[in-house]
Amino acid sequence: MHALLNQHEVEVAATTEYVLALLPKLPNGVEYYTEPSLRELAAKEKAGAGFCRRVKDFVMGRKGHGSIKFLGETDVCHLDVESIVQLNNRQVIVYPNGRKKPRDGGQCNKTAEVTLLNVKCISKKTGKKYVEGPPVESYKEILVKMIRERGAEFDSYDPVKGELKFRVKLF
C-alpha cells in the first residue's frame, strides 16, 4: 500500500508540474491578472486536459491601467504575457518592438475588446478635470479619431470613470 501511495503522489506532483508549466507567464508583481485566474486555469486544466488550449473570452489586465478581453477561444498554453502585452497608463501595446506575431487569429493576434482606465478629460492650461460639456465632447472626438486611425473601432467613453473601450480585429 505504501508503494502505491508514493506512486500516486509522484503522479499528482508530475501532473501539477505539467499544468503549472502550461499556464500563462505574467510579469512579476501583483498588478497583472487574468480571468479566469491562474488558479482557476490550473484547476480547470487538471479537471479536463486541454482546457488551457481553448479558454473562452480570456482576459488579461493590469490593475489601475486596463484590460484586454480576447473574444472567442484562446490558446493560453505557455503564453508569455510579459513579452507580448504591455498595459501602461492610457496605452496598450501587443507584440512590442517588432516581436513576431502569430498567424491572424492565433494566440493574442485576434479580435479583442480593450478597456483603458485613467483616460480623463483634463485642461492642459488649468488642470481642471471635465466630466461633461463641450470639452468632453471635443476630447471624445479626438479619442474616436485616434482609435479609427489605428484601425480599431470605438465602443464607449465614460468621462466620469475615465474609462475608454474599443475593439480591435487583430493586433
C-alpha atoms as a PDB file:
ATOM      1  CA  MET A   1       0.000   0.000   0.000  1.00  0.00           C
ATOM      2  CA  HIS A   2       2.800   2.402   0.878  1.00  0.00           C
ATOM      3  CA  ALA A   3       4.430   1.921  -2.564  1.00  0.00           C
ATOM      4  CA  LEU A   4       1.095   2.674  -4.277  1.00  0.00           C
ATOM      5  CA  LEU A   5       0.673   5.837  -2.253  1.00  0.00           C
ATOM      6  CA  ASN A   6       4.135   7.030  -3.228  1.00  0.00           C
ATOM      7  CA  GLN A   7       3.409   6.281  -6.900  1.00  0.00           C
ATOM      8  CA  HIS A   8       0.155   8.234  -6.618  1.00  0.00           C
ATOM      9  CA  GLU A   9       1.982  11.162  -5.001  1.00  0.00           C
ATOM     10  CA  VAL A  10       4.535  11.115  -7.825  1.00  0.00           C
ATOM     11  CA  GLU A  11       1.749  11.137 -10.439  1.00  0.00           C
ATOM     12  CA  VAL A  12      -0.040  14.024  -8.707  1.00  0.00           C
ATOM     13  CA  ALA A  13       3.205  16.009  -8.455  1.00  0.00           C
ATOM     14  CA  ALA A  14       4.014  15.342 -12.124  1.00  0.00           C
ATOM     15  CA  THR A  15       0.521  16.406 -13.182  1.00  0.00           C
ATOM     16  CA  THR A  16       0.725  19.568 -11.074  1.00  0.00           C
ATOM     17  CA  GLU A  17       4.150  20.445 -12.503  1.00  0.00           C
ATOM     18  CA  TYR A  18       2.887  19.839 -16.055  1.00  0.00           C
ATOM     19  CA  VAL A  19      -0.203  22.010 -15.512  1.00  0.00           C
ATOM     20  CA  LEU A  20       1.812  24.843 -13.933  1.00  0.00           C
ATOM     21  CA  ALA A  21       4.175  24.829 -16.922  1.00  0.00           C
ATOM     22  CA  LEU A  22       1.173  25.324 -19.255  1.00  0.00           C
ATOM     23  CA  LEU A  23      -0.126  28.434 -17.506  1.00  0.00           C
ATOM     24  CA  PRO A  24       0.433  31.931 -18.887  1.00  0.00           C
ATOM     25  CA  LYS A  25       3.526  33.688 -17.544  1.00  0.00           C
ATOM     26  CA  LEU A  26       2.685  37.071 -16.037  1.00  0.00           C
ATOM     27  CA  PRO A  27       5.124  39.903 -15.291  1.00  0.00           C
ATOM     28  CA  ASN A  28       6.470  39.893 -11.737  1.00  0.00           C
ATOM     29  CA  GLY A  29       4.343  41.712  -9.210  1.00  0.00           C
ATOM     30  CA  VAL A  30       0.670  41.622  -8.410  1.00  0.00           C
ATOM     31  CA  GLU A  31      -0.563  44.271 -10.843  1.00  0.00           C
ATOM     32  CA  TYR A  32      -1.211  41.862 -13.730  1.00  0.00           C
ATOM     33  CA  TYR A  33      -4.088  39.391 -13.640  1.00  0.00           C
ATOM     34  CA  THR A  34      -6.046  37.000 -15.826  1.00  0.00           C
ATOM     35  CA  GLU A  35      -9.701  35.972 -15.984  1.00  0.00           C
ATOM     36  CA  PRO A  36     -10.063  33.144 -15.301  1.00  0.00           C
ATOM     37  CA  SER A  37      -7.333  33.496 -12.677  1.00  0.00           C
ATOM     38  CA  LEU A  38      -4.188  31.374 -12.904  1.00  0.00           C
ATOM     39  CA  ARG A  39      -5.539  29.279 -10.042  1.00  0.00           C
ATOM     40  CA  GLU A  40      -8.829  28.687 -11.902  1.00  0.00           C
ATOM     41  CA  LEU A  41      -6.980  27.872 -15.130  1.00  0.00           C
ATOM     42  CA  ALA A  42      -4.850  25.292 -13.291  1.00  0.00           C
ATOM     43  CA  ALA A  43      -7.889  23.692 -11.653  1.00  0.00           C
ATOM     44  CA  LYS A  44      -9.815  23.503 -14.930  1.00  0.00           C
ATOM     45  CA  GLU A  45      -6.804  22.096 -16.785  1.00  0.00           C
ATOM     46  CA  LYS A  46      -6.393  19.402 -14.110  1.00  0.00           C
ATOM     47  CA  ALA A  47     -10.119  18.595 -14.309  1.00  0.00           C
ATOM     48  CA  GLY A  48     -10.095  18.373 -18.096  1.00  0.00           C
ATOM     49  CA  ALA A  49      -6.864  18.230 -20.056  1.00  0.00           C
ATOM     50  CA  GLY A  50      -6.875  20.716 -22.922  1.00  0.00           C
ATOM     51  CA  PHE A  51      -8.867  23.457 -21.188  1.00  0.00           C
ATOM     52  CA  CYS A  52      -5.990  25.959 -21.494  1.00  0.00           C
ATOM     53  CA  ARG A  53      -5.954  25.446 -25.273  1.00  0.00           C
ATOM     54  CA  ARG A  54      -9.487  26.825 -25.603  1.00  0.00           C
ATOM     55  CA  VAL A  55     -10.217  29.433 -22.934  1.00  0.00           C
ATOM     56  CA  LYS A  56     -13.371  31.338 -23.853  1.00  0.00           C
ATOM     57  CA  ASP A  57     -13.148  35.151 -23.705  1.00  0.00           C
ATOM     58  CA  PHE A  58      -9.771  35.167 -21.951  1.00  0.00           C
ATOM     59  CA  VAL A  59      -8.953  38.428 -20.152  1.00  0.00           C
ATOM     60  CA  MET A  60      -5.566  39.765 -19.175  1.00  0.00           C
ATOM     61  CA  GLY A  61      -5.271  43.028 -17.350  1.00  0.00           C
ATOM     62  CA  ARG A  62      -3.241  45.307 -15.165  1.00  0.00           C
ATOM     63  CA  LYS A  63      -4.816  46.839 -12.084  1.00  0.00           C
ATOM     64  CA  GLY A  64      -5.331  50.563 -12.471  1.00  0.00           C
ATOM     65  CA  HIS A  65      -4.469  50.532 -16.191  1.00  0.00           C
ATOM     66  CA  GLY A  66      -6.989  48.387 -18.071  1.00  0.00           C
ATOM     67  CA  SER A  67      -7.589  45.041 -19.683  1.00  0.00           C
ATOM     68  CA  ILE A  68      -7.856  43.113 -22.944  1.00  0.00           C
ATOM     69  CA  LYS A  69     -10.627  40.592 -23.492  1.00  0.00           C
ATOM     70  CA  PHE A  70      -9.759  38.177 -26.318  1.00  0.00           C
ATOM     71  CA  LEU A  71     -13.030  37.142 -27.912  1.00  0.00           C
ATOM     72  CA  GLY A  72     -13.806  33.509 -28.595  1.00  0.00           C
ATOM     73  CA  GLU A  73     -11.454  30.694 -27.677  1.00  0.00           C
ATOM     74  CA  THR A  74      -7.806  31.466 -26.972  1.00  0.00           C
ATOM     75  CA  ASP A  75      -4.914  29.055 -26.517  1.00  0.00           C
ATOM     76  CA  VAL A  76      -3.143  30.370 -23.415  1.00  0.00           C
ATOM     77  CA  CYS A  77      -0.667  27.486 -23.052  1.00  0.00           C
ATOM     78  CA  HIS A  78       2.839  28.827 -22.410  1.00  0.00           C
ATOM     79  CA  LEU A  79       1.589  32.370 -23.155  1.00  0.00           C
ATOM     80  CA  ASP A  80       4.392  34.773 -22.206  1.00  0.00           C
ATOM     81  CA  VAL A  81       2.283  37.793 -21.291  1.00  0.00           C
ATOM     82  CA  GLU A  82       5.377  39.608 -20.061  1.00  0.00           C
ATOM     83  CA  SER A  83       6.908  39.771 -23.549  1.00  0.00           C
ATOM     84  CA  ILE A  84       3.677  40.056 -25.557  1.00  0.00           C
ATOM     85  CA  VAL A  85       1.492  42.599 -23.742  1.00  0.00           C
ATOM     86  CA  GLN A  86       2.186  45.946 -22.105  1.00  0.00           C
ATOM     87  CA  LEU A  87      -0.668  47.729 -20.364  1.00  0.00           C
ATOM     88  CA  ASN A  88       0.589  51.148 -19.399  1.00  0.00           C
ATOM     89  CA  ASN A  89      -1.056  54.387 -18.377  1.00  0.00           C
ATOM     90  CA  ARG A  90      -3.711  55.049 -21.077  1.00  0.00           C
ATOM     91  CA  GLN A  91      -1.870  52.761 -23.515  1.00  0.00           C
ATOM     92  CA  VAL A  92      -1.872  49.141 -24.655  1.00  0.00           C
ATOM     93  CA  ILE A  93       0.889  47.554 -26.729  1.00  0.00           C
ATOM     94  CA  VAL A  94       0.642  43.999 -28.034  1.00  0.00           C
ATOM     95  CA  TYR A  95       3.659  42.397 -29.716  1.00  0.00           C
ATOM     96  CA  PRO A  96       6.033  45.317 -28.988  1.00  0.00           C
ATOM     97  CA  ASN A  97       9.379  46.058 -30.618  1.00  0.00           C
ATOM     98  CA  GLY A  98       8.694  44.115 -33.783  1.00  0.00           C
ATOM     99  CA  ARG A  99       8.145  40.872 -31.862  1.00  0.00           C
ATOM    100  CA  LYS A 100       6.994  38.238 -34.329  1.00  0.00           C
ATOM    101  CA  LYS A 101       3.219  37.911 -34.340  1.00  0.00           C
ATOM    102  CA  PRO A 102       1.477  34.580 -34.743  1.00  0.00           C
ATOM    103  CA  ARG A 103      -0.870  33.987 -37.665  1.00  0.00           C
ATOM    104  CA  ASP A 104      -4.073  36.023 -37.733  1.00  0.00           C
ATOM    105  CA  GLY A 105      -6.388  34.641 -35.064  1.00  0.00           C
ATOM    106  CA  GLY A 106      -3.539  32.863 -33.268  1.00  0.00           C
ATOM    107  CA  GLN A 107      -2.589  33.418 -29.641  1.00  0.00           C
ATOM    108  CA  CYS A 108      -3.173  37.146 -28.917  1.00  0.00           C
ATOM    109  CA  ASN A 109      -3.312  38.309 -32.548  1.00  0.00           C
ATOM    110  CA  LYS A 110      -7.090  38.200 -32.654  1.00  0.00           C
ATOM    111  CA  THR A 111     -10.266  40.180 -32.136  1.00  0.00           C
ATOM    112  CA  ALA A 112     -10.323  41.767 -28.705  1.00  0.00           C
ATOM    113  CA  GLU A 113     -12.092  44.346 -26.585  1.00  0.00           C
ATOM    114  CA  VAL A 114      -9.693  46.780 -24.933  1.00  0.00           C
ATOM    115  CA  THR A 115     -10.552  48.812 -21.836  1.00  0.00           C
ATOM    116  CA  LEU A 116      -8.191  51.599 -20.793  1.00  0.00           C
ATOM    117  CA  LEU A 117      -8.502  53.355 -17.439  1.00  0.00           C
ATOM    118  CA  ASN A 118      -7.460  56.865 -16.329  1.00  0.00           C
ATOM    119  CA  VAL A 119      -8.474  58.377 -19.674  1.00  0.00           C
ATOM    120  CA  LYS A 120      -9.645  61.701 -18.305  1.00  0.00           C
ATOM    121  CA  CYS A 121     -10.503  64.989 -19.922  1.00  0.00           C
ATOM    122  CA  ILE A 122      -8.188  67.460 -18.198  1.00  0.00           C
ATOM    123  CA  SER A 123      -7.421  71.002 -19.315  1.00  0.00           C
ATOM    124  CA  LYS A 124      -3.708  71.405 -20.091  1.00  0.00           C
ATOM    125  CA  LYS A 125      -3.947  75.093 -19.154  1.00  0.00           C
ATOM    126  CA  THR A 126      -5.802  74.889 -15.830  1.00  0.00           C
ATOM    127  CA  GLY A 127      -5.511  71.253 -14.783  1.00  0.00           C
ATOM    128  CA  LYS A 128      -9.289  71.144 -14.312  1.00  0.00           C
ATOM    129  CA  LYS A 129     -10.976  67.784 -14.882  1.00  0.00           C
ATOM    130  CA  TYR A 130     -14.138  67.805 -17.015  1.00  0.00           C
ATOM    131  CA  VAL A 131     -16.823  65.114 -16.915  1.00  0.00           C
ATOM    132  CA  GLU A 132     -19.390  66.783 -19.181  1.00  0.00           C
ATOM    133  CA  GLY A 133     -19.914  69.590 -21.645  1.00  0.00           C
ATOM    134  CA  PRO A 134     -18.093  70.804 -24.760  1.00  0.00           C
ATOM    135  CA  PRO A 135     -14.559  69.964 -23.531  1.00  0.00           C
ATOM    136  CA  VAL A 136     -15.576  66.319 -23.024  1.00  0.00           C
ATOM    137  CA  GLU A 137     -17.275  66.156 -26.428  1.00  0.00           C
ATOM    138  CA  SER A 138     -14.142  67.559 -28.116  1.00  0.00           C
ATOM    139  CA  TYR A 139     -11.937  65.137 -26.193  1.00  0.00           C
ATOM    140  CA  LYS A 140     -14.178  62.225 -27.156  1.00  0.00           C
ATOM    141  CA  GLU A 141     -13.923  63.231 -30.843  1.00  0.00           C
ATOM    142  CA  ILE A 142     -10.113  63.168 -30.545  1.00  0.00           C
ATOM    143  CA  LEU A 143     -10.253  59.697 -28.940  1.00  0.00           C
ATOM    144  CA  VAL A 144     -12.559  58.356 -31.668  1.00  0.00           C
ATOM    145  CA  LYS A 145     -10.270  59.744 -34.381  1.00  0.00           C
ATOM    146  CA  MET A 146      -7.132  58.237 -32.797  1.00  0.00           C
ATOM    147  CA  ILE A 147      -8.799  54.837 -32.430  1.00  0.00           C
ATOM    148  CA  ARG A 148     -10.017  54.795 -36.031  1.00  0.00           C
ATOM    149  CA  GLU A 149      -6.585  55.869 -37.331  1.00  0.00           C
ATOM    150  CA  ARG A 150      -5.171  52.730 -35.709  1.00  0.00           C
ATOM    151  CA  GLY A 151      -7.723  50.531 -37.457  1.00  0.00           C
ATOM    152  CA  ALA A 152      -9.791  49.909 -34.339  1.00  0.00           C
ATOM    153  CA  GLU A 153     -13.469  50.512 -33.588  1.00  0.00           C
ATOM    154  CA  PHE A 154     -14.601  52.927 -30.870  1.00  0.00           C
ATOM    155  CA  ASP A 155     -17.033  51.428 -28.363  1.00  0.00           C
ATOM    156  CA  SER A 156     -17.544  53.886 -25.500  1.00  0.00           C
ATOM    157  CA  TYR A 157     -16.026  56.565 -23.326  1.00  0.00           C
ATOM    158  CA  ASP A 158     -17.116  57.260 -19.742  1.00  0.00           C
ATOM    159  CA  PRO A 159     -15.593  60.585 -18.649  1.00  0.00           C
ATOM    160  CA  VAL A 160     -16.738  60.141 -15.042  1.00  0.00           C
ATOM    161  CA  LYS A 161     -14.929  56.789 -14.657  1.00  0.00           C
ATOM    162  CA  GLY A 162     -12.167  57.758 -17.117  1.00  0.00           C
ATOM    163  CA  GLU A 163     -12.846  54.512 -18.991  1.00  0.00           C
ATOM    164  CA  LEU A 164     -12.283  54.103 -22.732  1.00  0.00           C
ATOM    165  CA  LYS A 165     -13.403  50.975 -24.586  1.00  0.00           C
ATOM    166  CA  PHE A 166     -12.614  49.963 -28.145  1.00  0.00           C
ATOM    167  CA  ARG A 167     -12.340  46.831 -30.272  1.00  0.00           C
ATOM    168  CA  VAL A 168      -9.507  45.617 -32.470  1.00  0.00           C
ATOM    169  CA  LYS A 169      -9.737  42.981 -35.195  1.00  0.00           C
ATOM    170  CA  LEU A 170      -6.081  41.971 -34.925  1.00  0.00           C
ATOM    171  CA  PHE A 171      -3.013  43.210 -33.111  1.00  0.00           C
END
